């Protein structure tokens, strides 16, 4: 299969996850619990059959599992945003990841703060503020979506500090996220949330775990081997668009959206365009003036894309 086709399928699967979250009748806590455990068990079984189970040392595996807990928290907040608002709001709020990354990365990695990137990402913040005001009933969902993007920004930053073996990353992060959700689930059960999925939920959960987690990850990593990180990044920015289109056709969300939402969405898309041009400029500057920095820049973007490959 052509790697460009694989890339677009992975982005389509990523856009589909929000709709599946809306279609599944379980609460967000139970949904993420089943998704992570199903994905982990299926992936572990696949590695076992291929005799490729990862072998990280104890310290590294615990660190990766801790980052997996961040992934689980991101999933939890993302699906909670969809449950309290709708799919369109949930996927659009994800666009704030860049804004939080600009803020968190200098604090965590002691790198230089980029005023230009911060100003560009503020355009997305303005878009979210417009959407925040379009329906007061969606404000809790929007706040949860914003928190979800903040947690994912932390996940992407910390994920660059651990093993570069993709099998180990997915295996231990799914395990860490599953254990984290096992600690969270009792609170949902005590609040009266349903524990047993309905018949349709089983099918949706399987699609979410196998196709939209493991399949998405494998396709994305395969595409990264031959396609430039910049192309992968641009294509990944289509995810909110696909998510909204899926929601319109499969859940009839279009009736819930008004002019303020679309104005906010246009600002977010504008922010993504600005970030893309900024990436091109930085890439050319690094390549021309300092090949070593260019190589480092390239590796960082590849690492970020591998992080993005399992976020939904």
Protein backbone atom coordinates (compact mmCIF):
# COMPACT_ATOMS: atom_id res chain seq x y z
CA UNK A 1 0.00 0.00 0.00
CA UNK A 2 1.27 3.48 -0.88
CA UNK A 3 2.65 5.26 2.20
CA UNK A 4 0.63 8.40 1.41
CA UNK A 5 -2.52 6.28 1.43
CA UNK A 6 -1.46 4.78 4.77
CA UNK A 7 -0.89 8.28 6.15
CA UNK A 8 -4.34 9.51 5.13
CA UNK A 9 -6.01 6.36 6.45
CA UNK A 10 -4.29 6.92 9.81
CA UNK A 11 -5.57 10.52 9.92
CA UNK A 12 -9.07 9.37 8.97
CA UNK A 13 -8.99 6.80 11.77
CA UNK A 14 -7.82 9.52 14.14
CA UNK A 15 -10.74 11.72 13.11
CA UNK A 16 -13.16 8.81 13.61
CA UNK A 17 -12.30 8.27 17.29
CA UNK A 18 -14.34 11.23 18.51
CA UNK A 19 -17.47 9.95 16.78
CA UNK A 20 -16.96 6.48 18.26
CA UNK A 21 -16.66 8.10 21.69
CA UNK A 22 -20.00 9.78 21.14
CA UNK A 23 -21.67 6.59 19.87
CA UNK A 24 -20.49 4.46 22.79
CA UNK A 25 -23.06 4.67 25.60
CA UNK A 26 -20.52 4.17 28.41
CA UNK A 27 -19.19 7.06 30.47
CA UNK A 28 -15.82 8.48 29.43
CA UNK A 29 -14.07 6.66 32.30
CA UNK A 30 -15.39 3.23 31.40
CA UNK A 31 -14.85 3.90 27.69
CA UNK A 32 -11.15 4.72 28.13
CA UNK A 33 -10.70 1.81 30.58
CA UNK A 34 -11.96 -0.71 28.02
CA UNK A 35 -10.19 0.95 25.10
CA UNK A 36 -6.75 0.89 26.72
CA UNK A 37 -6.98 -2.61 28.15
CA UNK A 38 -8.34 -4.02 24.88
CA UNK A 39 -5.62 -2.27 22.87
CA UNK A 40 -2.90 -3.44 25.26
CA UNK A 41 -4.06 -7.07 25.27
CA UNK A 42 -4.40 -7.19 21.47
CA UNK A 43 -1.02 -5.51 20.91
CA UNK A 44 0.74 -7.73 23.47
CA UNK A 45 -0.75 -10.82 21.81
CA UNK A 46 0.45 -9.62 18.38
CA UNK A 47 3.98 -9.07 19.72
CA UNK A 48 3.93 -12.45 21.46
CA UNK A 49 2.97 -14.27 18.24
CA UNK A 50 5.75 -12.43 16.39
CA UNK A 51 8.20 -13.16 19.26
CA UNK A 52 8.89 -9.42 19.57
CA UNK A 53 7.83 -8.60 23.12
CA UNK A 54 9.83 -5.51 24.23
CA UNK A 55 12.55 -5.83 26.87
CA UNK A 56 13.08 -2.52 28.64
CA UNK A 57 14.87 -2.34 31.97
CA UNK A 58 12.74 -1.74 35.07
CA UNK A 59 13.56 1.97 35.41
CA UNK A 60 12.81 2.73 31.76
CA UNK A 61 9.60 0.70 31.73
CA UNK A 62 8.29 2.51 34.84
CA UNK A 63 9.10 5.88 33.26
CA UNK A 64 7.32 4.98 30.02
CA UNK A 65 4.32 3.65 31.97
CA UNK A 66 4.17 6.97 33.83
CA UNK A 67 4.00 8.76 30.50
CA UNK A 68 1.30 6.26 29.52
CA UNK A 69 -0.70 7.46 32.54
CA UNK A 70 -0.56 10.97 31.00
CA UNK A 71 -1.88 9.46 27.77
CA UNK A 72 -4.71 7.83 29.73
CA UNK A 73 -5.53 11.17 31.38
CA UNK A 74 -5.56 12.84 27.96
CA UNK A 75 -7.96 10.20 26.61
CA UNK A 76 -10.19 10.59 29.68
CA UNK A 77 -10.43 14.38 29.34
CA UNK A 78 -10.83 14.22 25.55
CA UNK A 79 -13.79 11.83 25.69
CA UNK A 80 -15.26 13.71 28.66
CA UNK A 81 -15.16 16.85 26.51
CA UNK A 82 -17.11 15.02 23.80
CA UNK A 83 -19.64 13.64 26.30
CA UNK A 84 -20.26 17.06 27.91
CA UNK A 85 -20.27 18.99 24.61
CA UNK A 86 -19.96 17.28 21.23
CA UNK A 87 -17.38 15.77 18.87
CA UNK A 88 -16.71 19.03 17.03
CA UNK A 89 -15.90 20.89 20.24
CA UNK A 90 -13.67 18.05 21.48
CA UNK A 91 -11.52 17.82 18.33
CA UNK A 92 -11.27 21.60 17.90
CA UNK A 93 -10.02 22.09 21.47
CA UNK A 94 -7.21 19.67 20.65
CA UNK A 95 -5.77 22.42 18.43
CA UNK A 96 -4.51 24.15 21.60
CA UNK A 97 -1.76 21.53 22.01
CA UNK A 98 0.65 23.85 20.19
CA UNK A 99 -0.15 26.72 22.56
CA UNK A 100 0.54 24.66 25.67
CA UNK A 101 3.66 23.11 24.14
CA UNK A 102 5.11 26.58 23.54
CA UNK A 103 4.56 27.35 27.25
CA UNK A 104 5.55 24.02 28.82
CA UNK A 105 8.58 23.07 26.71
CA UNK A 106 10.87 25.96 27.83
CA UNK A 107 9.92 25.27 31.47
CA UNK A 108 10.56 21.51 31.30
CA UNK A 109 13.44 21.29 28.83
CA UNK A 110 15.04 24.65 29.73
CA UNK A 111 14.93 25.77 26.10
CA UNK A 112 14.48 29.28 24.76
CA UNK A 113 10.93 30.68 24.86
CA UNK A 114 9.66 31.47 21.34
CA UNK A 115 7.68 34.71 21.30
CA UNK A 116 6.80 34.17 17.62
CA UNK A 117 5.35 30.68 18.22
CA UNK A 118 3.48 31.97 21.26
CA UNK A 119 1.87 34.80 19.25
CA UNK A 120 0.91 32.40 16.46
CA UNK A 121 -0.66 29.96 18.93
CA UNK A 122 -2.65 32.81 20.49
CA UNK A 123 -4.68 32.91 17.27
CA UNK A 124 -5.94 29.41 18.16
CA UNK A 125 -6.74 30.63 21.69
CA UNK A 126 -8.88 33.43 20.24
CA UNK A 127 -10.68 30.81 18.16
CA UNK A 128 -11.42 28.75 21.27
CA UNK A 129 -12.68 31.87 23.08
CA UNK A 130 -15.14 32.52 20.24
CA UNK A 131 -16.35 28.93 20.41
CA UNK A 132 -16.59 29.19 24.21
CA UNK A 133 -19.18 31.93 23.83
CA UNK A 134 -21.32 30.29 21.18
CA UNK A 135 -23.30 28.04 23.58
CA UNK A 136 -23.12 28.25 27.38
CA UNK A 137 -24.24 24.61 27.60
CA UNK A 138 -20.96 23.48 26.06
CA UNK A 139 -18.62 25.37 28.38
CA UNK A 140 -17.82 22.43 30.66
CA UNK A 141 -17.00 20.33 27.59
CA UNK A 142 -14.78 23.09 26.23
CA UNK A 143 -12.90 23.44 29.52
CA UNK A 144 -12.34 19.66 29.60
CA UNK A 145 -11.11 19.80 26.01
CA UNK A 146 -8.65 22.57 26.88
CA UNK A 147 -7.34 20.52 29.81
CA UNK A 148 -7.05 17.52 27.49
CA UNK A 149 -4.81 19.46 25.10
CA UNK A 150 -2.67 20.71 28.02
CA UNK A 151 -2.14 17.14 29.26
CA UNK A 152 -1.28 15.97 25.76
CA UNK A 153 1.29 18.76 25.42
CA UNK A 154 2.99 17.40 28.55
CA UNK A 155 2.76 13.88 27.13
CA UNK A 156 4.52 14.86 23.87
CA UNK A 157 7.31 16.69 25.71
CA UNK A 158 8.04 13.86 28.17
CA UNK A 159 7.66 11.23 25.45
CA UNK A 160 10.76 12.57 23.68
CA UNK A 161 12.89 11.72 26.73
CA UNK A 162 12.29 7.95 26.73
CA UNK A 163 13.03 4.92 24.52
CA UNK A 164 12.92 5.48 20.78
CA UNK A 165 11.88 1.86 20.20
CA UNK A 166 8.31 2.27 18.97
CA UNK A 167 7.19 -1.21 20.11
CA UNK A 168 8.36 -0.49 23.67
CA UNK A 169 6.70 2.92 23.69
CA UNK A 170 3.29 1.65 22.63
CA UNK A 171 3.46 -1.51 24.78
CA UNK A 172 4.41 0.19 28.06
CA UNK A 173 2.37 3.34 27.48
CA UNK A 174 -0.77 1.29 26.86
CA UNK A 175 0.02 -0.73 29.99
CA UNK A 176 0.63 2.40 32.05
CA UNK A 177 -2.54 4.02 30.76
CA UNK A 178 -4.53 0.84 31.50
CA UNK A 179 -3.26 0.69 35.09
CA UNK A 180 -4.02 4.40 35.55
CA UNK A 181 -7.60 3.88 34.34
CA UNK A 182 -7.98 0.84 36.62
CA UNK A 183 -7.37 3.22 39.53
CA UNK A 184 -9.90 5.73 38.16
CA UNK A 185 -12.73 3.34 37.28
CA UNK A 186 -13.85 2.62 40.91
CA UNK A 187 -14.84 6.30 41.26
CA UNK A 188 -17.10 5.96 38.21
CA UNK A 189 -18.62 2.74 39.54
CA UNK A 190 -19.31 4.39 42.90
CA UNK A 191 -21.05 7.24 41.08
CA UNK A 192 -23.41 4.74 39.45
CA UNK A 193 -21.85 4.58 35.97
CA UNK A 194 -22.67 1.47 33.94
CA UNK A 195 -19.82 -1.06 33.93
CA UNK A 196 -21.00 -3.58 31.30
CA UNK A 197 -21.02 -2.30 27.70
CA UNK A 198 -24.09 -2.75 25.50
CA UNK A 199 -23.86 -5.08 22.49
CA UNK A 200 -23.18 -2.21 20.06
CA UNK A 201 -20.60 -0.80 22.47
CA UNK A 202 -18.50 -3.97 22.18
CA UNK A 203 -18.17 -3.49 18.43
CA UNK A 204 -17.37 0.22 18.74
CA UNK A 205 -14.81 -0.48 21.47
CA UNK A 206 -13.11 -3.12 19.33
CA UNK A 207 -12.91 -0.68 16.39
CA UNK A 208 -11.56 1.99 18.75
CA UNK A 209 -8.94 -0.30 20.28
CA UNK A 210 -7.81 -2.26 17.21
CA UNK A 211 -8.22 0.08 14.25
CA UNK A 212 -8.12 3.54 15.87
CA UNK A 213 -5.28 2.78 18.30
CA UNK A 214 -3.07 -0.09 17.10
CA UNK A 215 -3.86 0.14 13.38
CA UNK A 216 -3.54 3.93 13.40
CA UNK A 217 -0.17 3.69 15.15
CA UNK A 218 1.26 1.08 12.77
CA UNK A 219 0.12 2.93 9.63
CA UNK A 220 1.48 6.23 10.95
CA UNK A 221 4.90 4.82 11.83
CA UNK A 222 5.16 3.09 8.45
CA UNK A 223 4.35 6.36 6.68
CA UNK A 224 7.01 8.21 8.68
CA UNK A 225 9.71 5.93 7.25
CA UNK A 226 9.38 7.39 3.74
CA UNK A 227 7.37 10.63 4.07
CA UNK A 228 8.87 13.84 5.46
CA UNK A 229 7.83 14.83 9.00
CA UNK A 230 6.52 18.15 7.66
CA UNK A 231 4.14 16.39 5.24
CA UNK A 232 3.00 14.10 8.04
CA UNK A 233 2.45 17.12 10.29
CA UNK A 234 0.40 18.97 7.65
CA UNK A 235 -1.73 15.90 6.99
CA UNK A 236 -2.20 15.42 10.75
CA UNK A 237 -3.66 18.91 10.95
CA UNK A 238 -6.60 17.65 8.89
CA UNK A 239 -7.74 15.52 11.83
CA UNK A 240 -10.14 18.13 13.33
CA UNK A 241 -11.63 18.66 9.86
CA UNK A 242 -12.21 14.93 9.38
CA UNK A 243 -13.56 14.66 12.92
CA UNK A 244 -16.10 17.43 12.33
CA UNK A 245 -17.15 15.97 8.97
CA UNK A 246 -17.63 12.51 10.51
CA UNK A 247 -19.66 14.09 13.32
CA UNK A 248 -21.88 15.99 10.88
CA UNK A 249 -22.68 12.93 8.81
CA UNK A 250 -22.83 10.26 11.53
CA UNK A 251 -24.27 12.14 14.52
CA UNK A 252 -26.02 15.09 12.81
CA UNK A 253 -24.12 17.62 14.92
CA UNK A 254 -24.47 20.36 12.32
CA UNK A 255 -27.67 21.55 13.98
CA UNK A 256 -25.73 22.35 17.18
CA UNK A 257 -23.16 24.60 15.47
CA UNK A 258 -23.57 28.28 14.64
CA UNK A 259 -21.62 31.16 13.11
CA UNK A 260 -19.47 31.71 16.24
CA UNK A 261 -18.26 28.12 16.08
CA UNK A 262 -17.25 28.41 12.44
CA UNK A 263 -15.51 31.76 13.01
CA UNK A 264 -13.55 30.19 15.86
CA UNK A 265 -12.71 27.20 13.65
CA UNK A 266 -11.39 29.51 10.92
CA UNK A 267 -9.07 31.22 13.42
CA UNK A 268 -7.74 27.82 14.53
CA UNK A 269 -7.11 26.77 10.93
CA UNK A 270 -5.35 30.11 10.37
CA UNK A 271 -3.12 29.38 13.37
CA UNK A 272 -2.24 25.97 11.91
CA UNK A 273 -1.33 27.59 8.57
CA UNK A 274 0.92 30.11 10.34
CA UNK A 275 2.62 27.32 12.28
CA UNK A 276 3.20 25.41 9.04
CA UNK A 277 4.89 28.39 7.38
CA UNK A 278 6.94 28.91 10.53
CA UNK A 279 8.09 25.29 10.35
CA UNK A 280 9.20 25.73 6.72
CA UNK A 281 11.14 28.88 7.61
CA UNK A 282 12.89 27.21 10.58
CA UNK A 283 13.68 24.12 8.53
CA UNK A 284 15.34 26.14 5.75
CA UNK A 285 17.28 28.27 8.23
CA UNK A 286 18.57 25.23 10.12
CA UNK A 287 19.52 23.39 6.94
CA UNK A 288 21.36 26.38 5.44
CA UNK A 289 23.12 27.78 8.51
CA UNK A 290 23.72 24.77 10.70
CA UNK A 291 23.35 21.19 9.40
CA UNK A 292 23.74 19.80 12.92
CA UNK A 293 20.79 21.84 14.20
CA UNK A 294 18.81 20.81 11.15
CA UNK A 295 19.38 17.13 11.95
CA UNK A 296 18.33 17.73 15.55
CA UNK A 297 15.25 19.66 14.38
CA UNK A 298 14.35 16.79 12.04
CA UNK A 299 14.66 14.19 14.81
CA UNK A 300 12.50 16.25 17.18
CA UNK A 301 9.71 16.51 14.61
CA UNK A 302 9.86 12.76 13.93
CA UNK A 303 9.59 12.15 17.68
CA UNK A 304 6.60 14.49 17.89
CA UNK A 305 4.86 12.71 15.02
CA UNK A 306 5.37 9.34 16.71
CA UNK A 307 3.74 10.83 19.83
CA UNK A 308 0.79 12.11 17.78
CA UNK A 309 0.22 8.71 16.22
CA UNK A 310 -1.60 7.24 19.22
CA UNK A 311 -3.33 10.31 20.70
CA UNK A 312 -6.81 9.45 19.64
